[in-house]
Protein backbone atom coordinates (compact mmCIF):
# COMPACT_ATOMS: atom_id res chain seq x y z
CA MET A 1 1.68 11.79 -19.88
CA LYS A 2 3.36 14.06 -22.40
CA ASP A 3 5.73 12.77 -25.08
CA GLU A 4 8.73 14.41 -23.38
CA GLN A 5 7.88 12.65 -20.11
CA VAL A 6 7.59 9.29 -21.87
CA LEU A 7 10.97 9.80 -23.53
CA ASP A 8 12.51 10.85 -20.21
CA LEU A 9 11.14 7.74 -18.50
CA LEU A 10 12.39 5.50 -21.32
CA LYS A 11 15.82 7.14 -21.03
CA THR A 12 15.88 6.42 -17.29
CA LEU A 13 14.79 2.80 -17.84
CA ARG A 14 17.40 2.23 -20.53
CA HIS A 15 20.13 3.68 -18.29
CA GLU A 16 19.04 1.56 -15.31
CA TRP A 17 18.95 -1.65 -17.36
CA LEU A 18 22.42 -0.95 -18.74
CA ASN A 19 23.65 -0.46 -15.16
CA ARG A 20 22.03 -3.75 -14.17
CA LEU A 21 23.60 -5.61 -17.08
CA GLN A 22 27.00 -4.20 -16.11
CA LEU A 23 26.53 -5.39 -12.52
CA VAL A 24 25.58 -8.91 -13.63
CA ARG A 25 28.50 -8.96 -16.04
CA SER A 26 30.92 -7.85 -13.30
CA TYR A 27 29.77 -10.54 -10.88
CA SER A 28 29.96 -13.10 -13.65
CA ALA A 29 33.52 -12.03 -14.59
CA MET A 30 34.54 -12.45 -10.93
CA GLY A 31 33.03 -15.93 -10.97
CA ASP A 32 30.56 -15.09 -8.21
CA GLU A 33 27.63 -17.20 -9.40
CA ALA A 34 25.77 -16.77 -6.09
CA ALA A 35 25.80 -12.99 -6.54
CA VAL A 36 24.69 -13.34 -10.17
CA GLU A 37 21.77 -15.57 -9.14
CA SER A 38 20.84 -13.26 -6.26
CA ILE A 39 20.80 -10.08 -8.34
CA CYS A 40 18.93 -11.81 -11.18
CA SER A 41 16.35 -12.99 -8.65
CA VAL A 42 15.83 -9.41 -7.48
CA TYR A 43 15.40 -8.23 -11.08
CA ARG A 44 12.94 -11.07 -11.86
CA GLU A 45 10.86 -10.18 -8.78
CA GLN A 46 10.73 -6.52 -9.78
CA ALA A 47 9.68 -7.43 -13.33
CA SER A 48 7.01 -9.75 -11.92
CA ARG A 49 5.68 -7.00 -9.61
CA GLU A 50 5.56 -4.56 -12.52
CA GLY A 51 3.69 -7.15 -14.58
CA ARG A 52 1.08 -7.64 -11.83
CA LEU A 53 0.74 -3.86 -11.58
CA THR A 54 -0.13 -3.55 -15.26
CA LEU A 55 -2.83 -6.24 -14.94
CA ILE A 56 -4.97 -4.19 -12.51
CA GLU A 57 -6.03 -1.88 -15.34
CA LEU A 58 -5.10 1.39 -13.62
CA PRO A 59 -2.62 2.79 -16.18
CA LYS A 60 -2.10 6.25 -14.63
CA THR A 61 -1.55 4.71 -11.21
CA ALA A 62 0.81 2.05 -12.56
CA LEU A 63 2.82 4.65 -14.44
CA ALA A 64 3.15 6.90 -11.37
CA LEU A 65 4.41 3.98 -9.27
CA GLN A 66 6.81 2.65 -11.87
CA ARG A 67 8.22 6.11 -12.58
CA ALA A 68 8.92 6.65 -8.88
CA ASP A 69 10.33 3.14 -8.48
CA TRP A 70 12.71 3.51 -11.42
CA THR A 71 13.94 6.95 -10.34
CA GLY A 72 15.19 5.62 -7.02
CA LEU A 73 12.51 6.77 -4.60
CA THR A 74 11.49 4.43 -1.81
CA VAL A 75 8.17 3.24 -3.21
CA GLU A 76 6.83 -0.22 -2.52
CA TYR A 77 3.67 -1.73 -3.97
CA ASP A 78 1.91 -5.05 -3.79
CA VAL A 79 -1.00 -6.37 -5.81
CA ILE A 80 -3.14 -8.76 -3.76
CA GLU A 81 -6.10 -8.45 -6.10
CA LYS A 82 -7.45 -6.10 -8.73
CA PRO A 83 -9.30 -3.21 -7.05
CA LYS A 84 -12.97 -3.02 -7.88
CA GLN A 85 -14.36 0.25 -9.21
CA VAL A 86 -11.68 2.79 -8.22
CA ASP A 87 -10.92 6.04 -10.03
CA ASP A 88 -7.52 5.62 -11.71
CA ALA A 89 -6.83 9.36 -12.11
CA ARG A 90 -7.73 10.05 -8.46
CA ILE A 91 -5.55 7.22 -7.13
CA ALA A 92 -2.66 8.38 -9.35
CA ASN A 93 -3.03 11.96 -8.06
CA ILE A 94 -2.98 10.80 -4.43
CA ILE A 95 0.09 8.62 -5.07
CA GLU A 96 1.89 11.46 -6.89
CA ALA A 97 1.15 13.80 -3.95
CA ALA A 98 2.47 11.16 -1.53
CA ILE A 99 5.61 10.73 -3.65
CA ASP A 100 6.11 14.51 -3.72
CA MET A 101 5.93 14.47 0.08
CA ILE A 102 8.84 12.02 0.34
CA GLU A 103 10.88 13.59 -2.47
CA VAL A 104 11.42 16.61 -0.24
CA GLY A 105 13.20 14.41 2.31
CA ASP A 106 13.68 10.84 3.36
CA GLY A 107 10.58 8.71 3.46
CA GLU A 108 8.66 5.84 1.96
CA VAL A 109 5.37 5.28 0.18
CA SER A 110 3.76 1.85 0.28
CA VAL A 111 0.71 0.97 -1.81
CA THR A 112 -1.36 -2.20 -1.52
CA PHE A 113 -4.01 -3.08 -4.07
CA HIS A 114 -6.85 -5.24 -2.78
CA GLU A 115 -10.58 -4.77 -3.18
CA GLY A 116 -9.71 -1.08 -2.69
CA VAL A 117 -6.34 0.64 -2.31
CA THR A 118 -4.28 1.31 0.82
CA ILE A 119 -1.63 4.03 0.63
CA GLU A 120 0.85 4.39 3.49
CA ILE A 121 3.23 7.35 3.72
CA TYR A 122 6.16 7.37 6.14
CA ARG A 123 8.41 10.36 6.72
CA ASP A 124 9.76 12.34 9.66
CA LEU A 125 7.69 15.47 10.23
CA LEU A 126 5.08 14.43 7.71
CA ASP A 127 3.12 17.34 6.26
CA THR A 128 -0.14 16.02 4.82
CA SER A 129 -1.35 19.38 3.48
CA ARG A 130 -0.73 18.14 -0.11
CA LEU A 131 -3.46 15.56 0.45
CA LYS A 132 -6.07 18.02 1.72
CA ASP A 133 -8.07 18.31 -1.51
CA LEU A 134 -7.43 14.71 -2.61
CA VAL A 135 -8.75 12.57 0.23
CA THR A 136 -11.65 12.87 2.62
CA PRO A 137 -11.20 12.69 6.40
CA MET A 138 -13.09 9.37 6.34
CA GLU A 139 -10.43 7.89 4.05
CA ILE A 140 -7.59 8.70 6.45
CA GLU A 141 -7.31 5.50 8.45
CA SER A 142 -4.62 6.84 10.79
CA GLN A 143 -2.27 9.79 10.96
CA THR A 144 0.68 10.78 13.16
CA GLU A 145 3.57 13.15 12.59
CA VAL A 146 5.54 10.35 10.90
CA GLU A 147 2.88 8.30 9.08
CA CYS A 148 -0.40 8.58 7.24
CA VAL A 149 -2.51 5.61 6.16
CA ILE A 150 -5.17 6.22 3.53
CA GLU A 151 -7.82 3.63 2.70
CA ILE A 152 -9.65 4.08 -0.61
CA GLU A 153 -12.59 1.74 -0.82
CA SER A 154 -14.07 0.51 -4.06
CA LEU A 155 -17.08 2.38 -5.37
CA SER A 156 -20.40 0.68 -5.45
CA VAL A 157 -22.05 0.54 -8.85
CA ARG A 158 -24.51 3.20 -7.69
CA GLU A 159 -21.71 5.60 -6.63
CA GLU A 160 -19.83 5.13 -9.89
CA LYS A 161 -22.73 6.45 -11.97
C-alpha cells in the first residue's frame, strides 16, 4: 500500500470515528441510554472483528477487507480459525476483485476464514470475468447469475514449496 493510500485510509477512519462519537454524544444528550449502549455494542463488535482479522497474519487481506468495510461497502467477514498455508497476496487480489464487482452496483461480499478461505459474492447480474485469472474452475464452489462462492483450500507443505 502506498503512503497516499495509507493517509487516505487514516483520513476516512478518523472521519468515521468522529461521526460515531457525535452519534453517541447525541444519544447521550437526549438521555437515550439504551441507544447509547446499543450503538456502543455495535462498535465494540466491529473492533473485536477487526482484531480477530489482524490475528490471522494475512496483512494484505485484512487491509483490503477493513478498507472496504470502513468506506461503506457491504463487506462481511468472520474468522472461525486462522487459515493454514494460504497466499495472502492472492487472497487479497481475489477479495479486491470481488469488492470491485459490487462497487459497480449493489451487492455484498462475505468472507469466512477457516482452515482455508470462503469468499461469497452476491449481486444482481453478477459478472465474474474479473475473477477469471485469479481463481481456478475447481475453486468455484457454485455460481449463478446472482452469486459466486469461491473456496480456497489451504496449501499442503509440498505445494507451498
